[in-house]
Amino acid sequence: MGPNVIAAVNGPLWKSLHHMMGPSFSPVTVKAQIPTIVEHATVFHEKLRQAVETGKPFSLVDLTTSDVISAMVLGFSLQAQNNGCSPLLEDYKTLFSLAQPYMDAWNPLTKFKLWRTMRGARKRTDAYVHKELQSKYRLYRGSDAVPTRKTARSVLDRMVVQKIEETGDAAPYLDQAFLKLVTPNLNGLLAGGQGTTADALTYTYLLLSLHPAILSRLRSEHASLFPPTLTDTTTHMLSHPHLTSSSSLPYTTAILKETLRLFPAGFTPREAPPDTSHLHFNGTSYPVAGKMVIPNQHALHFDSTHFLPDRSLEEYEPKAHRFTWRPFERGLRSCIRQEMAMEEMRTALVLTVRWFDLEPDLEGVKGKGEGKVRFSDLDEVVGDAAWQEMGLGASPRGEVWMRGWYRGELGGDGGEVGDGEE
């Protein structure tokens, strides 16, 4: 995404960026976005219905593209769900798909071609964000209706408002130093918010399709809180926004946490401090000067490949240490949009799982039945979809194709409650 991305900087710069962006993703702010989240989850429901009614395999990644993150970052929807995609999102997808091939390429010509394609995409995304920043600055410059940082509607608004509060609005345009600081972070939020949520939901639906008792129990939790029809459920959500919280939907949250334990959707790069050349651990010295250090969430999470959402419930024994689950990392350096991501995914599940039966389409799947590793047998069932590959996030290897059936307008509670184990 470029230099000065909040995930990779330290010290005063990180504090400044966190102060600028963090409030936009606080629990209170996210709850205020429930109408937007419900609106786009309802569009997802309709897109899913259209996909299953064709009777053909479809990709969940394509369907789960959401406009929620653009509404929160830019202040308006890109309408990607209704229009299929947008030029901006296509450029982000290009950066996602080419990041790893570029890093792996040894052939200078191949590397140059990839770099040139990525540079073009990055230039276009930067130009789009610059245009929106300058437009917002011109709108607020000299106006008596400038919002405060607390009342700003989006991350972009909050950044411009903070700039005006700190330096005034005498200049006709935002300066290049400010644009270079905030543009990579707005790009990072927009790109990461698209990919990681779609990947995590894809794996969630895949795992639920393989564990019917867990799916039944999930449906029962939703049926105990929401009316049977989609229209009444969305109305109930809007009038009772607390019902989509983790405390109201503990099993839904547990399913998402277990999915993210098995398939972390992102990673957290860290830059070594300027005065640190080596990291010393257990008698070994590791060179870190000028390098990015990325914790291995897969290794940190590894306990069992058995899909057991109950391990995240309060009553489950034995309890894992609270620091062992970290797909968003932990503490001050944790992902600032994790609250929104979980809220968005819980809402998507509530508005879909009672109405659809899904299963992986395994015809022609690569790697099926091969059993490549000893610690998991999931690839024997779903092939290469069991593995993730690096881009700007950790996506499924190749497309995850699904088939589905619409269960009817009344949805249903899924029958008897299962014990969460297979």
Protein backbone atom coordinates (compact mmCIF):
# COMPACT_ATOMS: atom_id res chain seq x y z
CA MET A 1 0.00 0.00 0.00
CA GLY A 2 3.02 2.27 0.30
CA PRO A 3 5.04 3.83 3.12
CA ASN A 4 3.68 5.01 6.48
CA VAL A 5 1.01 2.29 6.78
CA ILE A 6 -0.08 2.15 10.41
CA ALA A 7 0.53 -1.59 10.68
CA ALA A 8 4.22 -1.19 9.91
CA VAL A 9 5.30 2.01 11.69
CA ASN A 10 6.31 2.71 15.27
CA GLY A 11 6.63 5.50 17.80
CA PRO A 12 5.07 8.96 17.42
CA LEU A 13 3.98 8.32 13.83
CA TRP A 14 1.99 5.25 14.86
CA LYS A 15 0.40 7.18 17.74
CA SER A 16 -0.59 10.01 15.41
CA LEU A 17 -2.16 7.66 12.87
CA HIS A 18 -3.96 5.66 15.54
CA HIS A 19 -5.33 8.88 17.05
CA MET A 20 -6.53 9.86 13.58
CA MET A 21 -8.19 6.57 12.57
CA GLY A 22 -8.96 4.61 15.74
CA PRO A 23 -12.15 6.45 16.81
CA SER A 24 -13.81 5.54 13.50
CA PHE A 25 -13.80 1.87 14.53
CA SER A 26 -14.65 2.10 18.22
CA PRO A 27 -17.50 -0.14 19.45
CA VAL A 28 -19.82 2.88 19.77
CA THR A 29 -19.08 4.04 16.22
CA VAL A 30 -19.49 0.54 14.80
CA LYS A 31 -22.88 0.14 16.47
CA ALA A 32 -23.98 3.38 14.85
CA GLN A 33 -23.20 1.71 11.50
CA ILE A 34 -25.63 -1.18 12.07
CA PRO A 35 -28.13 0.17 9.49
CA THR A 36 -25.37 0.23 6.85
CA ILE A 37 -24.13 -3.23 7.82
CA VAL A 38 -27.67 -4.68 7.72
CA GLU A 39 -28.38 -3.02 4.37
CA HIS A 40 -25.36 -4.62 2.70
CA ALA A 41 -25.87 -7.97 4.41
CA THR A 42 -29.39 -7.98 2.96
CA VAL A 43 -27.92 -7.38 -0.51
CA PHE A 44 -25.57 -10.31 0.12
CA HIS A 45 -28.59 -12.48 1.02
CA GLU A 46 -30.25 -11.59 -2.29
CA LYS A 47 -27.05 -12.20 -4.27
CA LEU A 48 -26.67 -15.58 -2.59
CA ARG A 49 -30.27 -16.47 -3.42
CA GLN A 50 -29.71 -15.57 -7.06
CA ALA A 51 -26.55 -17.68 -7.12
CA VAL A 52 -28.12 -20.82 -5.64
CA GLU A 53 -31.18 -20.57 -7.89
CA THR A 54 -28.99 -20.91 -10.98
CA GLY A 55 -28.05 -24.41 -9.84
CA LYS A 56 -24.45 -23.71 -10.85
CA PRO A 57 -21.31 -23.53 -8.69
CA PHE A 58 -20.43 -20.06 -7.45
CA SER A 59 -17.60 -18.34 -5.59
CA LEU A 60 -18.43 -16.99 -2.16
CA VAL A 61 -15.51 -14.57 -2.33
CA ASP A 62 -17.23 -12.79 -5.22
CA LEU A 63 -20.54 -12.63 -3.37
CA THR A 64 -19.15 -11.47 -0.03
CA THR A 65 -17.57 -8.30 -1.43
CA SER A 66 -19.07 -5.66 0.84
CA ASP A 67 -19.55 -1.92 0.62
CA VAL A 68 -19.56 -1.46 4.39
CA ILE A 69 -15.87 -0.63 4.60
CA SER A 70 -16.11 1.99 1.83
CA ALA A 71 -19.03 3.63 3.63
CA MET A 72 -17.02 3.83 6.85
CA VAL A 73 -13.75 4.93 5.23
CA LEU A 74 -14.97 7.21 2.43
CA GLY A 75 -18.42 8.16 3.71
CA PHE A 76 -20.26 6.62 0.77
CA SER A 77 -20.81 3.21 -0.78
CA LEU A 78 -18.89 2.12 -3.89
CA GLN A 79 -21.98 0.08 -4.88
CA ALA A 80 -19.75 -2.89 -5.65
CA GLN A 81 -22.41 -5.38 -4.53
CA ASN A 82 -25.03 -3.99 -6.89
CA ASN A 83 -22.72 -3.28 -9.82
CA GLY A 84 -20.54 -6.38 -9.61
CA CYS A 85 -17.40 -4.47 -8.61
CA SER A 86 -15.82 -1.05 -9.10
CA PRO A 87 -12.63 0.13 -10.82
CA LEU A 88 -11.14 0.97 -7.43
CA LEU A 89 -11.82 -2.50 -6.03
CA GLU A 90 -10.49 -4.12 -9.19
CA ASP A 91 -7.20 -2.31 -8.63
CA TYR A 92 -7.12 -3.49 -5.01
CA LYS A 93 -7.73 -7.04 -6.20
CA THR A 94 -4.82 -6.66 -8.61
CA LEU A 95 -2.54 -5.62 -5.75
CA PHE A 96 -3.80 -8.55 -3.65
CA SER A 97 -3.30 -11.14 -6.37
CA LEU A 98 0.14 -9.98 -7.55
CA ALA A 99 1.81 -9.22 -4.21
CA GLN A 100 3.03 -12.76 -3.56
CA PRO A 101 4.01 -13.60 -7.18
CA TYR A 102 6.03 -10.38 -7.24
CA MET A 103 7.88 -11.31 -4.03
CA ASP A 104 8.51 -14.87 -5.28
CA ALA A 105 9.64 -13.93 -8.80
CA TRP A 106 13.33 -14.46 -9.63
CA ASN A 107 13.23 -13.69 -13.34
CA PRO A 108 14.01 -9.94 -13.72
CA LEU A 109 11.67 -9.54 -16.68
CA THR A 110 8.80 -11.25 -14.86
CA LYS A 111 9.43 -9.16 -11.76
CA PHE A 112 9.48 -5.95 -13.82
CA LYS A 113 6.18 -6.80 -15.56
CA LEU A 114 4.51 -7.51 -12.21
CA TRP A 115 5.95 -4.34 -10.70
CA ARG A 116 4.69 -2.27 -13.64
CA THR A 117 1.17 -3.68 -13.32
CA MET A 118 1.13 -3.10 -9.57
CA ARG A 119 2.51 0.41 -9.98
CA GLY A 120 -0.31 1.27 -12.38
CA ALA A 121 -2.92 -0.04 -9.94
CA ARG A 122 -1.32 1.83 -7.05
CA LYS A 123 -1.20 5.08 -9.02
CA ARG A 124 -4.91 4.80 -9.80
CA THR A 125 -5.88 4.05 -6.20
CA ASP A 126 -3.72 6.91 -4.94
CA ALA A 127 -5.27 9.30 -7.47
CA TYR A 128 -8.80 8.25 -6.42
CA VAL A 129 -8.09 8.80 -2.73
CA HIS A 130 -6.29 12.13 -3.41
CA LYS A 131 -9.34 13.34 -5.31
CA GLU A 132 -11.69 12.46 -2.44
CA LEU A 133 -9.41 14.09 0.15
CA GLN A 134 -9.06 17.31 -1.81
CA SER A 135 -12.80 17.39 -2.53
CA LYS A 136 -13.61 17.05 1.16
CA TYR A 137 -11.05 19.73 2.08
CA ARG A 138 -12.58 22.18 -0.42
CA LEU A 139 -16.02 21.43 1.02
CA TYR A 140 -14.94 22.18 4.58
CA ARG A 141 -12.53 25.04 3.82
CA GLY A 142 -14.04 28.30 5.11
CA SER A 143 -17.28 26.55 6.03
CA ASP A 144 -19.16 27.07 9.28
CA ALA A 145 -20.48 23.49 9.08
CA VAL A 146 -17.21 21.62 9.62
CA PRO A 147 -17.87 18.56 11.81
CA THR A 148 -15.79 17.74 14.84
CA ARG A 149 -13.61 14.64 15.03
CA LYS A 150 -16.39 13.03 17.09
CA THR A 151 -19.19 13.84 14.63
CA ALA A 152 -17.27 13.19 11.39
CA ARG A 153 -19.05 10.53 9.30
CA SER A 154 -16.02 8.70 7.95
CA VAL A 155 -12.33 8.06 8.43
CA LEU A 156 -11.54 10.38 5.52
CA ASP A 157 -13.69 13.13 7.06
CA ARG A 158 -11.95 12.73 10.39
CA MET A 159 -8.52 12.99 8.79
CA VAL A 160 -9.41 16.20 6.95
CA VAL A 161 -11.04 17.71 10.04
CA GLN A 162 -7.96 16.94 12.14
CA LYS A 163 -5.75 18.55 9.49
CA ILE A 164 -7.87 21.73 9.56
CA GLU A 165 -7.87 21.79 13.37
CA GLU A 166 -4.07 21.48 13.50
CA THR A 167 -2.95 23.75 10.64
CA GLY A 168 -6.00 25.77 9.61
CA ASP A 169 -7.53 26.03 6.15
CA ALA A 170 -5.64 28.98 4.66
CA ALA A 171 -3.97 26.81 2.01
CA PRO A 172 -6.07 26.23 -1.14
CA TYR A 173 -5.16 22.53 -1.24
CA LEU A 174 -3.99 19.78 1.08
CA ASP A 175 -0.21 19.59 1.03
CA GLN A 176 1.71 16.65 -0.42
CA ALA A 177 3.21 15.65 2.93
CA PHE A 178 -0.28 15.12 4.37
CA LEU A 179 -1.43 13.23 1.28
CA LYS A 180 1.59 10.93 1.45
CA LEU A 181 0.87 10.23 5.11
CA VAL A 182 -2.84 9.41 4.95
CA THR A 183 -3.29 7.94 1.44
CA PRO A 184 -1.52 4.60 2.11
CA ASN A 185 -3.60 4.15 5.26
CA LEU A 186 -6.90 4.85 3.53
CA ASN A 187 -5.88 2.43 0.77
CA GLY A 188 -4.92 -0.15 3.39
CA LEU A 189 -8.29 0.11 5.14
CA LEU A 190 -10.24 -0.15 1.87
CA ALA A 191 -8.21 -3.05 0.47
CA GLY A 192 -7.89 -4.99 3.71
CA GLY A 193 -11.55 -4.50 4.58
CA GLN A 194 -12.58 -6.13 1.32
CA GLY A 195 -10.27 -9.13 1.29
CA THR A 196 -10.03 -10.34 4.85
CA THR A 197 -13.76 -10.29 5.63
CA ALA A 198 -14.62 -12.09 2.38
CA ASP A 199 -11.94 -14.74 3.01
CA ALA A 200 -13.04 -15.34 6.61
CA LEU A 201 -16.71 -15.69 5.63
CA THR A 202 -15.81 -18.05 2.81
CA TYR A 203 -14.04 -20.37 5.23
CA THR A 204 -16.89 -20.05 7.74
CA TYR A 205 -19.51 -21.22 5.25
CA LEU A 206 -17.18 -23.99 4.05
CA LEU A 207 -16.67 -25.33 7.58
CA LEU A 208 -20.36 -25.05 8.46
CA SER A 209 -21.26 -27.07 5.36
CA LEU A 210 -19.01 -29.87 6.64
CA HIS A 211 -20.42 -29.84 10.21
CA PRO A 212 -24.25 -30.04 10.10
CA ALA A 213 -24.68 -30.35 13.87
CA ILE A 214 -22.80 -27.09 14.43
CA LEU A 215 -24.85 -25.43 11.68
CA SER A 216 -28.07 -26.64 13.32
CA ARG A 217 -27.00 -25.22 16.67
CA LEU A 218 -26.12 -21.90 15.01
CA ARG A 219 -29.53 -21.69 13.38
CA SER A 220 -31.19 -22.40 16.72
CA GLU A 221 -29.34 -19.50 18.34
CA HIS A 222 -30.57 -17.17 15.61
CA ALA A 223 -34.14 -18.51 15.76
CA SER A 224 -34.22 -17.84 19.51
CA LEU A 225 -33.50 -14.13 18.96
CA PHE A 226 -35.00 -13.21 15.59
CA PRO A 227 -38.32 -13.67 13.74
CA PRO A 228 -38.56 -16.34 11.02
CA THR A 229 -38.72 -14.09 7.94
CA LEU A 230 -35.89 -12.04 6.46
CA THR A 231 -37.89 -8.81 6.45
CA ASP A 232 -38.91 -9.16 10.09
CA THR A 233 -35.37 -10.15 11.08
CA THR A 234 -33.82 -7.05 9.52
CA THR A 235 -36.48 -4.85 11.13
CA HIS A 236 -35.81 -6.48 14.50
CA MET A 237 -32.06 -5.96 14.06
CA LEU A 238 -32.48 -2.27 13.33
CA SER A 239 -34.69 -1.70 16.36
CA HIS A 240 -32.51 -3.90 18.63
CA PRO A 241 -28.90 -3.38 17.45
CA HIS A 242 -27.49 -4.97 20.59
CA LEU A 243 -28.71 -8.36 19.36
CA THR A 244 -25.80 -8.61 16.92
CA SER A 245 -23.19 -8.23 19.66
CA SER A 246 -20.94 -11.03 20.86
CA SER A 247 -22.81 -11.21 24.19
CA SER A 248 -26.15 -11.78 22.44
CA LEU A 249 -24.70 -14.19 19.85
CA PRO A 250 -22.07 -16.17 21.77
CA TYR A 251 -22.18 -19.27 19.56
CA THR A 252 -22.10 -17.25 16.34
CA THR A 253 -19.06 -15.42 17.68
CA ALA A 254 -17.48 -18.71 18.76
CA ILE A 255 -17.88 -20.11 15.22
CA LEU A 256 -16.18 -17.06 13.72
CA LYS A 257 -13.37 -17.21 16.27
CA GLU A 258 -12.81 -20.90 15.60
CA THR A 259 -12.75 -20.26 11.85
CA LEU A 260 -10.17 -17.52 12.34
CA ARG A 261 -8.15 -19.82 14.59
CA LEU A 262 -7.88 -22.36 11.79
CA PHE A 263 -7.66 -19.81 8.97
CA PRO A 264 -6.26 -16.46 10.13
CA ALA A 265 -7.35 -13.94 7.52
CA GLY A 266 -4.48 -11.51 7.88
CA PHE A 267 -1.10 -10.87 9.40
CA THR A 268 0.60 -8.12 11.35
CA PRO A 269 3.90 -6.87 9.94
CA ARG A 270 6.26 -5.07 12.27
CA GLU A 271 9.25 -2.90 11.45
CA ALA A 272 12.33 -3.20 13.65
CA PRO A 273 13.13 -0.04 15.66
CA PRO A 274 15.86 2.10 14.05
CA ASP A 275 18.43 1.24 16.73
CA THR A 276 17.81 -2.54 16.64
CA SER A 277 19.91 -4.72 14.34
CA HIS A 278 19.21 -8.19 15.81
CA LEU A 279 16.52 -9.97 17.78
CA HIS A 280 17.88 -12.36 20.41
CA PHE A 281 15.76 -15.33 21.46
CA ASN A 282 16.73 -18.58 23.17
CA GLY A 283 20.39 -18.06 22.43
CA THR A 284 19.88 -17.37 18.71
CA SER A 285 20.41 -13.99 17.04
CA TYR A 286 18.11 -13.00 14.17
CA PRO A 287 18.93 -10.04 11.87
CA VAL A 288 16.00 -7.62 11.74
CA ALA A 289 17.54 -4.33 10.58
CA GLY A 290 15.65 -3.05 7.54
CA LYS A 291 13.31 -6.07 7.59
CA MET A 292 9.65 -6.69 8.32
CA VAL A 293 8.91 -9.14 11.14
CA ILE A 294 5.63 -11.06 10.80
CA PRO A 295 4.36 -13.33 13.63
CA ASN A 296 3.15 -16.74 12.44
CA GLN A 297 -0.49 -16.88 13.56
CA HIS A 298 -0.90 -20.40 12.20
CA ALA A 299 1.75 -21.72 14.56
CA LEU A 300 0.48 -19.64 17.48
CA HIS A 301 -3.07 -20.93 16.95
CA PHE A 302 -2.19 -24.55 16.38
CA ASP A 303 -3.75 -26.85 18.95
CA SER A 304 -6.08 -29.01 16.94
CA THR A 305 -7.48 -28.92 13.41
CA HIS A 306 -10.80 -30.17 14.77
CA PHE A 307 -13.50 -27.55 14.22
CA LEU A 308 -14.80 -27.01 17.75
CA PRO A 309 -16.45 -23.60 18.32
CA ASP A 310 -17.17 -24.51 21.95
CA ARG A 311 -13.54 -23.90 22.85
CA SER A 312 -14.32 -20.15 22.70
CA LEU A 313 -17.35 -20.33 24.97
CA GLU A 314 -17.12 -19.17 28.56
CA GLU A 315 -18.16 -22.53 30.04
CA TYR A 316 -15.71 -24.63 27.99
CA GLU A 317 -12.95 -26.48 29.84
CA PRO A 318 -9.99 -26.56 29.72
CA LYS A 319 -9.67 -22.89 28.88
CA ALA A 320 -6.96 -21.75 26.51
CA HIS A 321 -4.83 -18.79 27.47
CA ARG A 322 -6.48 -15.58 26.25
CA PHE A 323 -3.36 -14.60 24.32
CA THR A 324 -3.41 -17.76 22.19
CA TRP A 325 -6.12 -16.41 19.84
CA ARG A 326 -4.73 -13.49 17.85
CA PRO A 327 -5.89 -13.29 14.22
CA PHE A 328 -6.23 -9.52 14.76
CA GLU A 329 -3.19 -9.41 17.04
CA ARG A 330 -3.60 -8.04 20.56
CA GLY A 331 -3.13 -4.92 22.63
CA LEU A 332 -2.61 -1.43 21.26
CA ARG A 333 -1.18 -2.78 18.01
CA SER A 334 -4.20 -4.93 17.24
CA CYS A 335 -6.18 -4.39 14.04
CA ILE A 336 -8.28 -1.25 14.49
CA ARG A 337 -11.16 -2.63 12.41
CA GLN A 338 -11.62 -5.96 14.18
CA GLU A 339 -14.81 -4.82 15.95
CA MET A 340 -16.38 -3.88 12.63
CA ALA A 341 -15.21 -7.08 10.93
CA MET A 342 -16.79 -9.28 13.62
CA GLU A 343 -20.01 -7.23 13.59
CA GLU A 344 -20.20 -7.47 9.81
CA MET A 345 -19.64 -11.24 9.78
CA ARG A 346 -22.13 -11.92 12.59
CA THR A 347 -24.77 -9.93 10.72
CA ALA A 348 -24.06 -11.77 7.46
CA LEU A 349 -24.49 -15.14 9.18
CA VAL A 350 -27.73 -14.10 10.91
CA LEU A 351 -29.20 -13.00 7.58
CA THR A 352 -28.19 -16.10 5.61
CA VAL A 353 -27.70 -19.40 7.46
CA ARG A 354 -31.38 -20.01 8.25
CA TRP A 355 -32.34 -19.55 4.59
CA PHE A 356 -29.61 -21.44 2.73
CA ASP A 357 -27.99 -24.86 2.67
CA LEU A 358 -24.51 -24.74 1.14
CA GLU A 359 -21.94 -27.37 0.29
CA PRO A 360 -18.55 -27.28 -1.46
CA ASP A 361 -18.53 -28.18 -5.14
CA LEU A 362 -15.70 -30.70 -5.27
CA GLU A 363 -15.82 -31.68 -8.93
CA GLY A 364 -12.35 -31.31 -10.34
CA VAL A 365 -10.91 -29.87 -7.13
CA LYS A 366 -7.12 -30.00 -7.05
CA GLY A 367 -5.42 -31.85 -4.22
CA LYS A 368 -8.52 -33.70 -3.02
CA GLY A 369 -7.73 -36.97 -1.23
CA GLU A 370 -3.97 -36.44 -1.28
CA GLY A 371 -3.45 -35.94 2.46
CA LYS A 372 -0.43 -33.66 2.17
CA VAL A 373 0.22 -33.21 5.91
CA ARG A 374 -0.12 -35.23 9.10
CA PHE A 375 -1.68 -32.51 11.26
CA SER A 376 -4.87 -32.08 9.18
CA ASP A 377 -7.11 -34.17 6.95
CA LEU A 378 -9.25 -31.29 5.66
CA ASP A 379 -7.48 -31.31 2.29
CA GLU A 380 -8.61 -34.90 1.79
CA VAL A 381 -12.17 -33.51 1.70
CA VAL A 382 -11.90 -30.08 0.08
CA GLY A 383 -8.51 -30.29 -1.65
CA ASP A 384 -6.38 -27.19 -2.02
CA ALA A 385 -9.14 -25.02 -0.53
CA ALA A 386 -7.85 -26.27 2.83
CA TRP A 387 -4.71 -24.19 2.38
CA GLN A 388 -4.15 -20.46 2.38
CA GLU A 389 -1.77 -18.49 0.22
CA MET A 390 -0.23 -15.12 0.86
CA GLY A 391 -1.16 -11.95 -0.96
CA LEU A 392 -1.93 -8.83 0.99
CA GLY A 393 -3.81 -11.21 3.26
CA ALA A 394 -4.16 -14.97 3.67
CA SER A 395 -6.69 -16.10 1.07
CA PRO A 396 -7.94 -19.56 0.09
CA ARG A 397 -5.69 -21.25 -2.44
CA GLY A 398 -7.65 -20.84 -5.63
CA GLU A 399 -11.40 -20.38 -5.81
CA VAL A 400 -13.70 -22.03 -3.26
CA TRP A 401 -16.69 -23.14 -5.30
CA MET A 402 -20.01 -23.82 -3.59
CA ARG A 403 -23.46 -25.08 -4.46
CA GLY A 404 -26.58 -24.24 -2.50
CA TRP A 405 -30.31 -24.49 -1.96
CA TYR A 406 -32.82 -21.92 -0.79
CA ARG A 407 -34.74 -23.23 2.23
CA GLY A 408 -37.75 -20.93 1.86
CA GLU A 409 -38.87 -17.54 3.14
CA LEU A 410 -39.46 -18.80 6.68
CA GLY A 411 -35.91 -20.08 7.04
CA GLY A 412 -36.20 -22.37 10.03
CA ASP A 413 -34.25 -23.18 13.16
CA GLY A 414 -32.31 -26.08 11.66
CA GLY A 415 -33.92 -28.79 13.77
CA GLU A 416 -32.51 -30.19 16.98
CA VAL A 417 -29.62 -28.48 18.70
CA GLY A 418 -26.36 -30.33 18.14
CA ASP A 419 -23.57 -30.74 20.66
CA GLY A 420 -21.05 -28.86 18.48
CA GLU A 421 -18.97 -31.97 17.85
CA GLU A 422 -18.76 -34.33 14.93
